[in-house]
Amino acid sequence: MAGTRLEIKVEMDDRAVRSALQRLIKAGADLKPAFAEIGEYLDLATRERFDREEAPDGTSWEPLSEATLRRKMLKGVKRGKGKKRRRLTTRAGNTKAGAIKRLAQASILVESGDLRDTLRYHATADSLEFGTDRKYGATHQFGDDEDRNIPARPYLGLSDADRAEIVAILREHLARAMRP
């Protein structure tokens, strides 16, 4: 090497550095605690989206179709003799009031609550799965234009706020791992 050279040597006890690196490697090898915390967060955030009837990107879900509203309005209708429909009445005997009440309570993607109530996560050391085991969950997430004319109403996914919270959870997980 031509010219001049400066060499600086620092003598130090690197046990603390090695220990910190080992904790970091261990924390990165087993992310199950962080993934479980993220799974709990996603469960809460997705349930809140159901309440707001919106996709992860903040767009509102398609409103219920006229046919779905009619079906929900007629919920509780029984077939009498001769296949004629007979409406069940409210306690006051007012069929219209009952229908209006059912329509007012009609939520998008919530018939019985099963879809929202079957949201689950599975965390391991190196992965996180979040979703539902209900087959119709995919129909509602992606839609079904071919057979049933059901619009996509995404409920799974990450908003910008979700991404920020996940990063914060991971940072805190690594920060805890670095503490002696």
C-alpha atoms as a PDB file:
ATOM      1  CA  MET A   1       0.000   0.000   0.000  1.00  0.00           C
ATOM      2  CA  ALA A   2       1.499   3.304  -1.057  1.00  0.00           C
ATOM      3  CA  GLY A   3       1.129   6.397   1.065  1.00  0.00           C
ATOM      4  CA  THR A   4       0.324   6.532   4.732  1.00  0.00           C
ATOM      5  CA  ARG A   5      -1.732   4.323   6.888  1.00  0.00           C
ATOM      6  CA  LEU A   6      -3.508   4.826  10.183  1.00  0.00           C
ATOM      7  CA  GLU A   7      -4.426   1.834  12.246  1.00  0.00           C
ATOM      8  CA  ILE A   8      -6.555   2.131  15.344  1.00  0.00           C
ATOM      9  CA  LYS A   9      -6.906  -0.773  17.691  1.00  0.00           C
ATOM     10  CA  VAL A  10      -9.382  -0.794  20.477  1.00  0.00           C
ATOM     11  CA  GLU A  11      -8.926  -3.330  23.160  1.00  0.00           C
ATOM     12  CA  MET A  12     -12.233  -4.134  24.780  1.00  0.00           C
ATOM     13  CA  ASP A  13     -14.053  -6.823  26.583  1.00  0.00           C
ATOM     14  CA  ASP A  14     -16.582  -7.931  23.962  1.00  0.00           C
ATOM     15  CA  ARG A  15     -18.570 -10.302  26.166  1.00  0.00           C
ATOM     16  CA  ALA A  16     -21.408  -7.766  26.376  1.00  0.00           C
ATOM     17  CA  VAL A  17     -21.499  -7.388  22.584  1.00  0.00           C
ATOM     18  CA  ARG A  18     -21.457 -11.141  22.039  1.00  0.00           C
ATOM     19  CA  SER A  19     -24.192 -11.609  24.639  1.00  0.00           C
ATOM     20  CA  ALA A  20     -26.350  -8.933  22.995  1.00  0.00           C
ATOM     21  CA  LEU A  21     -25.845 -10.530  19.579  1.00  0.00           C
ATOM     22  CA  GLN A  22     -26.821 -13.934  20.956  1.00  0.00           C
ATOM     23  CA  ARG A  23     -30.033 -12.479  22.439  1.00  0.00           C
ATOM     24  CA  LEU A  24     -30.818 -10.804  19.117  1.00  0.00           C
ATOM     25  CA  ILE A  25     -30.237 -14.046  17.202  1.00  0.00           C
ATOM     26  CA  LYS A  26     -32.407 -15.967  19.678  1.00  0.00           C
ATOM     27  CA  ALA A  27     -35.182 -13.348  19.459  1.00  0.00           C
ATOM     28  CA  GLY A  28     -35.073 -13.521  15.663  1.00  0.00           C
ATOM     29  CA  ALA A  29     -35.136 -17.317  15.695  1.00  0.00           C
ATOM     30  CA  ASP A  30     -38.270 -17.513  17.843  1.00  0.00           C
ATOM     31  CA  LEU A  31     -40.760 -14.860  16.850  1.00  0.00           C
ATOM     32  CA  LYS A  32     -43.726 -16.741  18.335  1.00  0.00           C
ATOM     33  CA  PRO A  33     -44.280 -14.226  21.176  1.00  0.00           C
ATOM     34  CA  ALA A  34     -44.205 -11.307  18.721  1.00  0.00           C
ATOM     35  CA  PHE A  35     -46.413 -13.155  16.221  1.00  0.00           C
ATOM     36  CA  ALA A  36     -48.925 -13.996  18.971  1.00  0.00           C
ATOM     37  CA  GLU A  37     -49.094 -10.316  19.927  1.00  0.00           C
ATOM     38  CA  ILE A  38     -49.547  -9.375  16.261  1.00  0.00           C
ATOM     39  CA  GLY A  39     -52.276 -12.041  15.942  1.00  0.00           C
ATOM     40  CA  GLU A  40     -54.158 -10.541  18.897  1.00  0.00           C
ATOM     41  CA  TYR A  41     -53.809  -7.092  17.364  1.00  0.00           C
ATOM     42  CA  LEU A  42     -55.081  -8.297  13.945  1.00  0.00           C
ATOM     43  CA  ASP A  43     -58.049  -9.989  15.583  1.00  0.00           C
ATOM     44  CA  LEU A  44     -59.067  -6.746  17.286  1.00  0.00           C
ATOM     45  CA  ALA A  45     -58.386  -4.568  14.217  1.00  0.00           C
ATOM     46  CA  THR A  46     -60.374  -6.873  11.919  1.00  0.00           C
ATOM     47  CA  ARG A  47     -63.328  -7.000  14.320  1.00  0.00           C
ATOM     48  CA  GLU A  48     -63.313  -3.206  14.407  1.00  0.00           C
ATOM     49  CA  ARG A  49     -63.384  -3.180  10.584  1.00  0.00           C
ATOM     50  CA  PHE A  50     -66.477  -5.410  10.715  1.00  0.00           C
ATOM     51  CA  ASP A  51     -68.109  -2.826  12.997  1.00  0.00           C
ATOM     52  CA  ARG A  52     -67.164   0.014  10.616  1.00  0.00           C
ATOM     53  CA  GLU A  53     -68.072  -2.118   7.554  1.00  0.00           C
ATOM     54  CA  GLU A  54     -64.887  -1.220   5.738  1.00  0.00           C
ATOM     55  CA  ALA A  55     -61.925  -2.802   3.968  1.00  0.00           C
ATOM     56  CA  PRO A  56     -58.375  -2.569   5.330  1.00  0.00           C
ATOM     57  CA  ASP A  57     -57.701   0.341   2.952  1.00  0.00           C
ATOM     58  CA  GLY A  58     -60.573   2.282   4.557  1.00  0.00           C
ATOM     59  CA  THR A  59     -63.052   2.000   1.689  1.00  0.00           C
ATOM     60  CA  SER A  60     -66.633   1.169   2.642  1.00  0.00           C
ATOM     61  CA  TRP A  61     -67.975  -2.241   1.762  1.00  0.00           C
ATOM     62  CA  GLU A  62     -70.551  -2.499  -1.006  1.00  0.00           C
ATOM     63  CA  PRO A  63     -74.018  -2.004   0.471  1.00  0.00           C
ATOM     64  CA  LEU A  64     -76.328  -4.976   0.791  1.00  0.00           C
ATOM     65  CA  SER A  65     -78.228  -5.848  -2.364  1.00  0.00           C
ATOM     66  CA  GLU A  66     -81.963  -5.428  -2.599  1.00  0.00           C
ATOM     67  CA  ALA A  67     -82.383  -9.220  -2.561  1.00  0.00           C
ATOM     68  CA  THR A  68     -80.330  -9.542   0.631  1.00  0.00           C
ATOM     69  CA  LEU A  69     -82.269  -6.738   2.305  1.00  0.00           C
ATOM     70  CA  ARG A  70     -85.533  -8.419   1.312  1.00  0.00           C
ATOM     71  CA  ARG A  71     -84.306 -11.754   2.703  1.00  0.00           C
ATOM     72  CA  LYS A  72     -83.259 -10.119   5.964  1.00  0.00           C
ATOM     73  CA  MET A  73     -86.562  -8.267   6.187  1.00  0.00           C
ATOM     74  CA  LEU A  74     -88.523 -11.497   5.718  1.00  0.00           C
ATOM     75  CA  LYS A  75     -86.449 -13.371   8.270  1.00  0.00           C
ATOM     76  CA  GLY A  76     -88.877 -15.017  10.609  1.00  0.00           C
ATOM     77  CA  VAL A  77     -91.503 -15.584   7.956  1.00  0.00           C
ATOM     78  CA  LYS A  78     -93.075 -19.020   8.166  1.00  0.00           C
ATOM     79  CA  ARG A  79     -94.893 -20.918   5.496  1.00  0.00           C
ATOM     80  CA  GLY A  80     -98.433 -21.762   6.478  1.00  0.00           C
ATOM     81  CA  LYS A  81    -100.815 -24.277   4.997  1.00  0.00           C
ATOM     82  CA  GLY A  82    -100.951 -24.287   1.242  1.00  0.00           C
ATOM     83  CA  LYS A  83     -97.427 -22.805   1.029  1.00  0.00           C
ATOM     84  CA  LYS A  84     -98.771 -19.287   1.662  1.00  0.00           C
ATOM     85  CA  ARG A  85     -96.394 -17.074   3.544  1.00  0.00           C
ATOM     86  CA  ARG A  86     -97.507 -15.876   6.921  1.00  0.00           C
ATOM     87  CA  ARG A  87     -95.486 -13.183   8.651  1.00  0.00           C
ATOM     88  CA  LEU A  88     -94.623 -13.509  12.273  1.00  0.00           C
ATOM     89  CA  THR A  89     -95.638 -10.409  14.144  1.00  0.00           C
ATOM     90  CA  THR A  90     -93.932  -8.440  16.867  1.00  0.00           C
ATOM     91  CA  ARG A  91     -95.304  -8.525  20.396  1.00  0.00           C
ATOM     92  CA  ALA A  92     -97.464  -5.550  19.521  1.00  0.00           C
ATOM     93  CA  GLY A  93     -98.730  -7.448  16.488  1.00  0.00           C
ATOM     94  CA  ASN A  94     -97.073  -5.003  14.081  1.00  0.00           C
ATOM     95  CA  THR A  95     -95.403  -6.771  11.159  1.00  0.00           C
ATOM     96  CA  LYS A  96     -94.063  -3.560   9.590  1.00  0.00           C
ATOM     97  CA  ALA A  97     -92.334  -2.561  12.807  1.00  0.00           C
ATOM     98  CA  GLY A  98     -90.619  -5.933  12.982  1.00  0.00           C
ATOM     99  CA  ALA A  99     -89.463  -5.701   9.377  1.00  0.00           C
ATOM    100  CA  ILE A 100     -88.156  -2.177   9.900  1.00  0.00           C
ATOM    101  CA  LYS A 101     -86.313  -3.258  13.036  1.00  0.00           C
ATOM    102  CA  ARG A 102     -84.685  -6.171  11.176  1.00  0.00           C
ATOM    103  CA  LEU A 103     -83.624  -3.870   8.346  1.00  0.00           C
ATOM    104  CA  ALA A 104     -82.178  -1.334  10.782  1.00  0.00           C
ATOM    105  CA  GLN A 105     -80.104  -4.097  12.345  1.00  0.00           C
ATOM    106  CA  ALA A 106     -78.957  -5.538   9.005  1.00  0.00           C
ATOM    107  CA  SER A 107     -75.181  -5.485   8.995  1.00  0.00           C
ATOM    108  CA  ILE A 108     -72.960  -6.206   6.037  1.00  0.00           C
ATOM    109  CA  LEU A 109     -71.157  -9.572   6.364  1.00  0.00           C
ATOM    110  CA  VAL A 110     -72.933 -10.279   9.639  1.00  0.00           C
ATOM    111  CA  GLU A 111     -75.846 -12.684   9.534  1.00  0.00           C
ATOM    112  CA  SER A 112     -75.202 -14.770  12.618  1.00  0.00           C
ATOM    113  CA  GLY A 113     -71.753 -13.437  13.525  1.00  0.00           C
ATOM    114  CA  ASP A 114     -70.031 -16.709  12.591  1.00  0.00           C
ATOM    115  CA  LEU A 115     -67.587 -15.179  10.107  1.00  0.00           C
ATOM    116  CA  ARG A 116     -66.366 -12.522  12.532  1.00  0.00           C
ATOM    117  CA  ASP A 117     -66.420 -14.968  15.446  1.00  0.00           C
ATOM    118  CA  THR A 118     -64.292 -17.578  13.641  1.00  0.00           C
ATOM    119  CA  LEU A 119     -61.325 -15.269  13.077  1.00  0.00           C
ATOM    120  CA  ARG A 120     -58.281 -17.053  14.459  1.00  0.00           C
ATOM    121  CA  TYR A 121     -54.514 -16.835  14.351  1.00  0.00           C
ATOM    122  CA  HIS A 122     -51.819 -19.470  14.618  1.00  0.00           C
ATOM    123  CA  ALA A 123     -48.371 -18.274  15.648  1.00  0.00           C
ATOM    124  CA  THR A 124     -45.186 -20.349  15.434  1.00  0.00           C
ATOM    125  CA  ALA A 125     -41.518 -19.458  15.787  1.00  0.00           C
ATOM    126  CA  ASP A 126     -41.314 -18.377  12.152  1.00  0.00           C
ATOM    127  CA  SER A 127     -44.842 -17.702  10.879  1.00  0.00           C
ATOM    128  CA  LEU A 128     -48.239 -16.211  11.610  1.00  0.00           C
ATOM    129  CA  GLU A 129     -51.475 -17.293   9.956  1.00  0.00           C
ATOM    130  CA  PHE A 130     -54.614 -15.210  10.426  1.00  0.00           C
ATOM    131  CA  GLY A 131     -58.066 -15.745   8.982  1.00  0.00           C
ATOM    132  CA  THR A 132     -61.137 -17.973   9.163  1.00  0.00           C
ATOM    133  CA  ASP A 133     -61.762 -21.612   8.372  1.00  0.00           C
ATOM    134  CA  ARG A 134     -65.165 -20.811   6.856  1.00  0.00           C
ATOM    135  CA  LYS A 135     -65.205 -21.446   3.107  1.00  0.00           C
ATOM    136  CA  TYR A 136     -67.613 -18.582   2.528  1.00  0.00           C
ATOM    137  CA  GLY A 137     -64.996 -16.279   4.074  1.00  0.00           C
ATOM    138  CA  ALA A 138     -63.092 -16.380   0.775  1.00  0.00           C
ATOM    139  CA  THR A 139     -66.285 -15.593  -1.148  1.00  0.00           C
ATOM    140  CA  HIS A 140     -66.812 -12.456   0.892  1.00  0.00           C
ATOM    141  CA  GLN A 141     -63.126 -11.457   0.782  1.00  0.00           C
ATOM    142  CA  PHE A 142     -62.754 -11.845  -2.999  1.00  0.00           C
ATOM    143  CA  GLY A 143     -66.359 -11.833  -4.247  1.00  0.00           C
ATOM    144  CA  ASP A 144     -68.191 -14.247  -6.539  1.00  0.00           C
ATOM    145  CA  ASP A 145     -69.284 -12.529  -9.747  1.00  0.00           C
ATOM    146  CA  GLU A 146     -69.764 -15.726 -11.733  1.00  0.00           C
ATOM    147  CA  ASP A 147     -72.286 -17.726  -9.715  1.00  0.00           C
ATOM    148  CA  ARG A 148     -73.836 -15.587  -7.033  1.00  0.00           C
ATOM    149  CA  ASN A 149     -73.154 -11.948  -7.895  1.00  0.00           C
ATOM    150  CA  ILE A 150     -71.559 -11.272  -4.507  1.00  0.00           C
ATOM    151  CA  PRO A 151     -69.221  -8.261  -4.488  1.00  0.00           C
ATOM    152  CA  ALA A 152     -65.815  -8.464  -2.846  1.00  0.00           C
ATOM    153  CA  ARG A 153     -65.894  -7.056   0.666  1.00  0.00           C
ATOM    154  CA  PRO A 154     -62.305  -7.390   1.898  1.00  0.00           C
ATOM    155  CA  TYR A 155     -62.064  -7.767   5.641  1.00  0.00           C
ATOM    156  CA  LEU A 156     -58.628  -9.387   5.864  1.00  0.00           C
ATOM    157  CA  GLY A 157     -55.512  -7.362   5.154  1.00  0.00           C
ATOM    158  CA  LEU A 158     -53.417  -4.569   6.590  1.00  0.00           C
ATOM    159  CA  SER A 159     -54.141  -0.874   6.799  1.00  0.00           C
ATOM    160  CA  ASP A 160     -51.328   1.661   7.102  1.00  0.00           C
ATOM    161  CA  ALA A 161     -52.108   1.880  10.827  1.00  0.00           C
ATOM    162  CA  ASP A 162     -51.899  -1.934  11.077  1.00  0.00           C
ATOM    163  CA  ARG A 163     -48.480  -1.936   9.405  1.00  0.00           C
ATOM    164  CA  ALA A 164     -47.218   0.740  11.793  1.00  0.00           C
ATOM    165  CA  GLU A 165     -48.501  -1.204  14.809  1.00  0.00           C
ATOM    166  CA  ILE A 166     -46.892  -4.438  13.584  1.00  0.00           C
ATOM    167  CA  VAL A 167     -43.546  -2.678  13.137  1.00  0.00           C
ATOM    168  CA  ALA A 168     -43.902  -1.227  16.653  1.00  0.00           C
ATOM    169  CA  ILE A 169     -44.633  -4.705  18.069  1.00  0.00           C
ATOM    170  CA  LEU A 170     -41.574  -6.166  16.317  1.00  0.00           C
ATOM    171  CA  ARG A 171     -39.355  -3.301  17.488  1.00  0.00           C
ATOM    172  CA  GLU A 172     -40.516  -3.758  21.063  1.00  0.00           C
ATOM    173  CA  HIS A 173     -39.937  -7.508  20.801  1.00  0.00           C
ATOM    174  CA  LEU A 174     -36.356  -6.936  19.632  1.00  0.00           C
ATOM    175  CA  ALA A 175     -35.787  -4.202  22.217  1.00  0.00           C
ATOM    176  CA  ARG A 176     -36.884  -6.605  24.988  1.00  0.00           C
ATOM    177  CA  ALA A 177     -34.511  -9.219  23.573  1.00  0.00           C
ATOM    178  CA  MET A 178     -31.607  -6.786  23.729  1.00  0.00           C
ATOM    179  CA  ARG A 179     -32.099  -6.009  27.423  1.00  0.00           C
ATOM    180  CA  PRO A 180     -29.658  -7.949  29.577  1.00  0.00           C
END
